[in-house]
Every structure is written in structure tokens, then in C-alpha cells.
Amino acid sequence: EVQLVQSGAELRNPGASVKVSCKALGYIFTSYYIDWVRQAPGQGLEWMGRIDPENNGTKYARNFQDRVTFAADTSTNTAYVELTSLRIEDTAVYYCATRGDGGDYWGQGTQVTVSV
């Protein structure tokens, strides 16, 4: 069974950084891209970009190119997103997702709250 298991909720001050993990279970990690998506309160889903765990190739959405870094560790089958210089408006639920042969799979989401 394909599962994506994310790390727990985070609380940060503005200007800080946060790193969210996404552990892939039940499939060959290097077979599919991992996408990162976020949803701010009252807003729709916003695609942040994706990483190919096979070669660490990345694609970033334009809004996130300067402050976001994706990584994938094939030794632990875990993908990461790091967001720096956090702003209040970065408060959102962050999701990892993958599209495999059996369909789309999503992590449970990680709440990131940026507050003074």
C-alpha cells in the first residue's frame, strides 16, 4: 500500500526556516516524482514544485524559486521541503503527493504556522 507520511506541525517566527519531511512507503521511491502543494487558510491548493527522487532533479513554481528547496534521500525514502525567510502568509498546510500507477497519493499534511 502506497503511503506518504509527513512530519508533525511546526510553529515558527517570521524570518525563520522550516523543513517538512515526507516518508514514502509501499513503493519504489525513485519511481515517481514527489510534488509539494500547500493550502493557506481559506485558500485553494497552491503547487510549489516537484522533485524527482531518482536524480534529485527539481522544478520550482515561480512564486517559490527564491525561498524553497526540495531534497530527496533515497537511503530513507524521504523527501523534504525547506522554506526560508518565513512570512505570516506562509501559514498553511503543506502536502506532499505522488502520482503512481495506481493513482494519486497524498500525505496527511503538515500544519506550518508563522506567528510573532
N, C-alpha and C. Protein backbone atom coordinates (compact mmCIF):
# COMPACT_ATOMS: atom_id res chain seq x y z
N GLU A 1 0.85 -1.19 0.00
CA GLU A 1 0.00 0.00 0.00
C GLU A 1 0.88 1.24 0.00
N VAL A 2 0.62 2.13 -0.94
CA VAL A 2 1.38 3.37 -1.02
C VAL A 2 0.94 4.32 0.10
N GLN A 3 1.90 4.84 0.82
CA GLN A 3 1.61 5.84 1.85
C GLN A 3 2.69 6.90 1.82
N LEU A 4 2.28 8.12 2.10
CA LEU A 4 3.21 9.23 2.31
C LEU A 4 2.95 9.74 3.72
N VAL A 5 3.95 9.67 4.56
CA VAL A 5 3.79 10.03 5.97
C VAL A 5 4.64 11.26 6.25
N GLN A 6 3.98 12.33 6.66
CA GLN A 6 4.66 13.61 6.85
C GLN A 6 4.99 13.87 8.32
N SER A 7 5.91 14.78 8.53
CA SER A 7 6.30 15.17 9.87
C SER A 7 5.21 16.04 10.50
N GLY A 8 5.38 16.30 11.79
CA GLY A 8 4.35 16.96 12.56
C GLY A 8 4.32 18.48 12.39
N ALA A 9 3.33 19.08 13.04
CA ALA A 9 3.10 20.51 12.93
C ALA A 9 4.29 21.31 13.42
N GLU A 10 4.46 22.49 12.82
CA GLU A 10 5.58 23.37 13.16
C GLU A 10 5.06 24.77 13.43
N LEU A 11 5.69 25.44 14.37
CA LEU A 11 5.41 26.83 14.69
C LEU A 11 6.71 27.60 14.58
N ARG A 12 6.69 28.66 13.80
CA ARG A 12 7.91 29.46 13.60
C ARG A 12 7.57 30.93 13.68
N ASN A 13 8.65 31.69 13.97
CA ASN A 13 8.56 33.14 13.91
C ASN A 13 8.86 33.62 12.49
N PRO A 14 8.39 34.80 12.12
CA PRO A 14 8.75 35.36 10.80
C PRO A 14 10.26 35.46 10.67
N GLY A 15 10.74 35.14 9.47
CA GLY A 15 12.17 35.18 9.20
C GLY A 15 12.88 33.87 9.43
N ALA A 16 12.26 32.96 10.14
CA ALA A 16 12.87 31.66 10.40
C ALA A 16 12.71 30.74 9.20
N SER A 17 13.21 29.52 9.36
CA SER A 17 13.09 28.49 8.33
C SER A 17 12.35 27.28 8.90
N VAL A 18 11.81 26.47 8.00
CA VAL A 18 11.15 25.25 8.42
C VAL A 18 11.44 24.17 7.39
N LYS A 19 11.55 22.95 7.87
CA LYS A 19 11.79 21.81 7.00
C LYS A 19 10.76 20.73 7.30
N VAL A 20 10.04 20.33 6.29
CA VAL A 20 8.98 19.33 6.42
C VAL A 20 9.42 18.07 5.69
N SER A 21 9.20 16.92 6.30
CA SER A 21 9.59 15.66 5.67
C SER A 21 8.38 14.86 5.21
N CYS A 22 8.63 13.97 4.28
CA CYS A 22 7.59 13.13 3.69
C CYS A 22 8.20 11.77 3.40
N LYS A 23 7.85 10.78 4.20
CA LYS A 23 8.43 9.45 4.05
C LYS A 23 7.52 8.60 3.17
N ALA A 24 8.11 8.02 2.15
CA ALA A 24 7.37 7.21 1.19
C ALA A 24 7.42 5.74 1.57
N LEU A 25 6.27 5.10 1.59
CA LEU A 25 6.16 3.69 1.96
C LEU A 25 5.36 2.95 0.90
N GLY A 26 5.73 1.70 0.68
CA GLY A 26 4.90 0.84 -0.15
C GLY A 26 5.17 0.88 -1.64
N TYR A 27 6.22 1.59 -2.05
CA TYR A 27 6.55 1.59 -3.47
C TYR A 27 8.02 1.95 -3.61
N ILE A 28 8.52 1.83 -4.81
CA ILE A 28 9.92 2.17 -5.06
C ILE A 28 10.03 3.69 -5.16
N PHE A 29 10.71 4.27 -4.20
CA PHE A 29 10.75 5.73 -4.02
C PHE A 29 11.19 6.46 -5.28
N THR A 30 12.13 5.88 -6.01
CA THR A 30 12.66 6.56 -7.18
C THR A 30 11.78 6.43 -8.42
N SER A 31 10.65 5.76 -8.28
CA SER A 31 9.80 5.52 -9.45
C SER A 31 8.98 6.74 -9.86
N TYR A 32 8.63 7.59 -8.89
CA TYR A 32 7.69 8.68 -9.17
C TYR A 32 8.18 9.99 -8.57
N TYR A 33 7.80 11.09 -9.22
CA TYR A 33 8.07 12.40 -8.66
C TYR A 33 7.32 12.57 -7.34
N ILE A 34 7.85 13.47 -6.51
CA ILE A 34 7.13 13.95 -5.34
C ILE A 34 6.79 15.42 -5.60
N ASP A 35 5.52 15.74 -5.52
CA ASP A 35 5.07 17.12 -5.62
C ASP A 35 4.82 17.69 -4.22
N TRP A 36 5.03 18.99 -4.12
CA TRP A 36 4.71 19.69 -2.87
C TRP A 36 3.64 20.74 -3.18
N VAL A 37 2.62 20.76 -2.34
CA VAL A 37 1.46 21.62 -2.51
C VAL A 37 1.13 22.21 -1.15
N ARG A 38 0.64 23.43 -1.11
CA ARG A 38 0.21 23.98 0.16
C ARG A 38 -1.17 24.58 0.04
N GLN A 39 -1.82 24.70 1.20
CA GLN A 39 -3.13 25.32 1.25
C GLN A 39 -3.20 26.24 2.45
N ALA A 40 -3.26 27.52 2.17
CA ALA A 40 -3.38 28.53 3.22
C ALA A 40 -4.84 28.59 3.68
N PRO A 41 -5.07 29.12 4.86
CA PRO A 41 -6.45 29.19 5.39
C PRO A 41 -7.37 29.92 4.41
N GLY A 42 -8.47 29.29 4.08
CA GLY A 42 -9.45 29.90 3.20
C GLY A 42 -9.05 30.00 1.74
N GLN A 43 -7.92 29.40 1.39
CA GLN A 43 -7.42 29.48 0.02
C GLN A 43 -7.44 28.10 -0.65
N GLY A 44 -7.22 28.09 -1.95
CA GLY A 44 -7.13 26.84 -2.68
C GLY A 44 -5.76 26.23 -2.60
N LEU A 45 -5.58 25.13 -3.27
CA LEU A 45 -4.29 24.46 -3.30
C LEU A 45 -3.32 25.25 -4.18
N GLU A 46 -2.08 25.33 -3.73
CA GLU A 46 -1.04 26.05 -4.46
C GLU A 46 0.13 25.10 -4.69
N TRP A 47 0.44 24.83 -5.94
CA TRP A 47 1.54 23.93 -6.27
C TRP A 47 2.87 24.66 -6.08
N MET A 48 3.77 24.03 -5.34
CA MET A 48 5.06 24.64 -5.04
C MET A 48 6.16 24.14 -5.98
N GLY A 49 6.02 22.91 -6.43
CA GLY A 49 7.03 22.33 -7.31
C GLY A 49 7.15 20.84 -7.08
N ARG A 50 8.20 20.25 -7.66
CA ARG A 50 8.37 18.81 -7.54
C ARG A 50 9.84 18.42 -7.59
N ILE A 51 10.09 17.21 -7.10
CA ILE A 51 11.43 16.64 -7.17
C ILE A 51 11.33 15.23 -7.71
N ASP A 52 12.34 14.87 -8.49
CA ASP A 52 12.48 13.51 -8.98
C ASP A 52 13.49 12.81 -8.09
N PRO A 53 13.06 11.91 -7.22
CA PRO A 53 13.99 11.26 -6.30
C PRO A 53 15.08 10.44 -6.98
N GLU A 54 14.87 10.09 -8.23
CA GLU A 54 15.87 9.27 -8.91
C GLU A 54 17.16 10.04 -9.14
N ASN A 55 17.04 11.33 -9.44
CA ASN A 55 18.23 12.11 -9.75
C ASN A 55 18.27 13.46 -9.06
N ASN A 56 17.33 13.68 -8.12
CA ASN A 56 17.20 14.95 -7.41
C ASN A 56 16.95 16.13 -8.34
N GLY A 57 16.43 15.86 -9.53
CA GLY A 57 16.04 16.96 -10.39
C GLY A 57 14.83 17.67 -9.79
N THR A 58 14.81 18.99 -9.91
CA THR A 58 13.75 19.77 -9.29
C THR A 58 13.12 20.74 -10.27
N LYS A 59 11.89 21.10 -9.98
CA LYS A 59 11.19 22.15 -10.69
C LYS A 59 10.44 22.95 -9.65
N TYR A 60 10.64 24.25 -9.65
CA TYR A 60 10.02 25.12 -8.67
C TYR A 60 8.99 26.02 -9.34
N ALA A 61 7.86 26.20 -8.69
CA ALA A 61 6.91 27.20 -9.15
C ALA A 61 7.53 28.58 -8.97
N ARG A 62 7.16 29.48 -9.84
CA ARG A 62 7.81 30.79 -9.86
C ARG A 62 7.72 31.49 -8.51
N ASN A 63 6.62 31.35 -7.82
CA ASN A 63 6.43 32.05 -6.54
C ASN A 63 7.36 31.55 -5.45
N PHE A 64 7.98 30.40 -5.66
CA PHE A 64 8.76 29.77 -4.59
C PHE A 64 10.23 29.60 -4.95
N GLN A 65 10.64 30.07 -6.08
CA GLN A 65 12.01 29.78 -6.54
C GLN A 65 13.08 30.28 -5.58
N ASP A 66 12.81 31.40 -4.91
CA ASP A 66 13.88 32.03 -4.12
C ASP A 66 13.96 31.50 -2.69
N ARG A 67 12.87 30.89 -2.19
CA ARG A 67 12.84 30.58 -0.75
C ARG A 67 12.62 29.10 -0.45
N VAL A 68 12.48 28.28 -1.47
CA VAL A 68 12.15 26.88 -1.25
C VAL A 68 13.24 25.98 -1.82
N THR A 69 13.54 24.92 -1.08
CA THR A 69 14.48 23.91 -1.55
C THR A 69 13.87 22.53 -1.32
N PHE A 70 13.90 21.72 -2.36
CA PHE A 70 13.46 20.32 -2.24
C PHE A 70 14.68 19.42 -2.16
N ALA A 71 14.50 18.32 -1.45
CA ALA A 71 15.56 17.31 -1.38
C ALA A 71 14.91 15.94 -1.27
N ALA A 72 15.66 14.93 -1.65
CA ALA A 72 15.17 13.55 -1.54
C ALA A 72 16.33 12.67 -1.10
N ASP A 73 16.09 11.88 -0.07
CA ASP A 73 17.10 10.98 0.48
C ASP A 73 16.68 9.55 0.16
N THR A 74 17.36 8.93 -0.79
CA THR A 74 16.98 7.59 -1.20
C THR A 74 17.36 6.53 -0.17
N SER A 75 18.23 6.86 0.77
CA SER A 75 18.59 5.88 1.80
C SER A 75 17.47 5.70 2.82
N THR A 76 16.61 6.72 2.95
CA THR A 76 15.50 6.65 3.90
C THR A 76 14.14 6.81 3.21
N ASN A 77 14.14 6.90 1.89
CA ASN A 77 12.90 7.09 1.12
C ASN A 77 12.10 8.28 1.62
N THR A 78 12.80 9.36 1.85
CA THR A 78 12.17 10.56 2.42
C THR A 78 12.45 11.78 1.56
N ALA A 79 11.41 12.53 1.30
CA ALA A 79 11.54 13.81 0.61
C ALA A 79 11.38 14.94 1.62
N TYR A 80 11.99 16.06 1.30
CA TYR A 80 11.96 17.21 2.20
C TYR A 80 11.63 18.47 1.41
N VAL A 81 10.97 19.39 2.08
CA VAL A 81 10.85 20.75 1.57
C VAL A 81 11.30 21.69 2.69
N GLU A 82 12.17 22.62 2.33
CA GLU A 82 12.62 23.62 3.27
C GLU A 82 12.20 24.99 2.74
N LEU A 83 11.60 25.76 3.61
CA LEU A 83 11.16 27.12 3.27
C LEU A 83 11.86 28.09 4.20
N THR A 84 12.54 29.06 3.63
CA THR A 84 13.30 30.02 4.42
C THR A 84 12.60 31.38 4.42
N SER A 85 13.13 32.27 5.27
CA SER A 85 12.60 33.64 5.37
C SER A 85 11.08 33.63 5.47
N LEU A 86 10.59 32.86 6.42
CA LEU A 86 9.15 32.67 6.54
C LEU A 86 8.41 33.98 6.80
N ARG A 87 7.23 34.05 6.22
CA ARG A 87 6.34 35.19 6.39
C ARG A 87 5.03 34.71 6.99
N ILE A 88 4.28 35.63 7.56
CA ILE A 88 2.98 35.28 8.14
C ILE A 88 2.13 34.54 7.09
N GLU A 89 2.20 35.01 5.87
CA GLU A 89 1.37 34.43 4.81
C GLU A 89 1.82 33.04 4.35
N ASP A 90 2.93 32.55 4.89
CA ASP A 90 3.34 31.17 4.63
C ASP A 90 2.59 30.18 5.53
N THR A 91 1.81 30.69 6.45
CA THR A 91 0.99 29.82 7.28
C THR A 91 0.04 29.02 6.39
N ALA A 92 0.15 27.70 6.47
CA ALA A 92 -0.61 26.84 5.56
C ALA A 92 -0.43 25.39 6.00
N VAL A 93 -1.21 24.53 5.39
CA VAL A 93 -0.97 23.09 5.48
C VAL A 93 -0.17 22.70 4.23
N TYR A 94 0.94 22.04 4.47
CA TYR A 94 1.84 21.63 3.39
C TYR A 94 1.67 20.13 3.15
N TYR A 95 1.50 19.79 1.87
CA TYR A 95 1.28 18.40 1.49
C TYR A 95 2.35 17.93 0.51
N CYS A 96 2.75 16.67 0.65
CA CYS A 96 3.48 16.01 -0.41
C CYS A 96 2.50 15.08 -1.12
N ALA A 97 2.77 14.83 -2.38
CA ALA A 97 1.88 13.98 -3.16
C ALA A 97 2.67 13.31 -4.27
N THR A 98 2.17 12.18 -4.71
CA THR A 98 2.79 11.49 -5.83
C THR A 98 1.72 10.87 -6.70
N ARG A 99 2.03 10.71 -7.95
CA ARG A 99 1.12 10.07 -8.90
C ARG A 99 1.78 8.79 -9.37
N GLY A 100 1.23 7.66 -8.91
CA GLY A 100 1.78 6.37 -9.28
C GLY A 100 0.88 5.63 -10.24
N ASP A 101 1.23 4.41 -10.52
CA ASP A 101 0.44 3.61 -11.46
C ASP A 101 -0.97 3.39 -10.94
N GLY A 102 -1.12 3.37 -9.61
CA GLY A 102 -2.44 3.10 -9.02
C GLY A 102 -3.26 4.32 -8.75
N GLY A 103 -2.71 5.51 -9.03
CA GLY A 103 -3.47 6.72 -8.76
C GLY A 103 -2.66 7.77 -8.05
N ASP A 104 -3.35 8.75 -7.50
CA ASP A 104 -2.70 9.85 -6.78
C ASP A 104 -2.70 9.54 -5.29
N TYR A 105 -1.58 9.86 -4.66
CA TYR A 105 -1.44 9.62 -3.24
C TYR A 105 -0.94 10.89 -2.57
N TRP A 106 -1.53 11.18 -1.40
CA TRP A 106 -1.20 12.39 -0.67
C TRP A 106 -0.75 12.05 0.75
N GLY A 107 0.17 12.85 1.25
CA GLY A 107 0.48 12.79 2.66
C GLY A 107 -0.66 13.39 3.47
N GLN A 108 -0.57 13.24 4.79
CA GLN A 108 -1.67 13.70 5.65
C GLN A 108 -1.65 15.20 5.87
N GLY A 109 -0.58 15.86 5.42
CA GLY A 109 -0.47 17.30 5.60
C GLY A 109 0.29 17.66 6.86
N THR A 110 1.02 18.75 6.77
CA THR A 110 1.76 19.30 7.90
C THR A 110 1.38 20.76 8.07
N GLN A 111 0.84 21.08 9.23
CA GLN A 111 0.49 22.47 9.52
C GLN A 111 1.75 23.25 9.86
N VAL A 112 2.01 24.31 9.12
CA VAL A 112 3.09 25.24 9.44
C VAL A 112 2.45 26.57 9.78
N THR A 113 2.72 27.03 10.98
CA THR A 113 2.16 28.30 11.44
C THR A 113 3.30 29.28 11.66
N VAL A 114 3.18 30.45 11.04
CA VAL A 114 4.18 31.51 11.20
C VAL A 114 3.51 32.64 11.96
N SER A 115 4.05 32.92 13.13
CA SER A 115 3.40 33.89 14.01
C SER A 115 4.42 34.59 14.87
N VAL A 116 4.17 35.84 15.18
CA VAL A 116 5.06 36.58 16.07
C VAL A 116 4.79 36.20 17.52
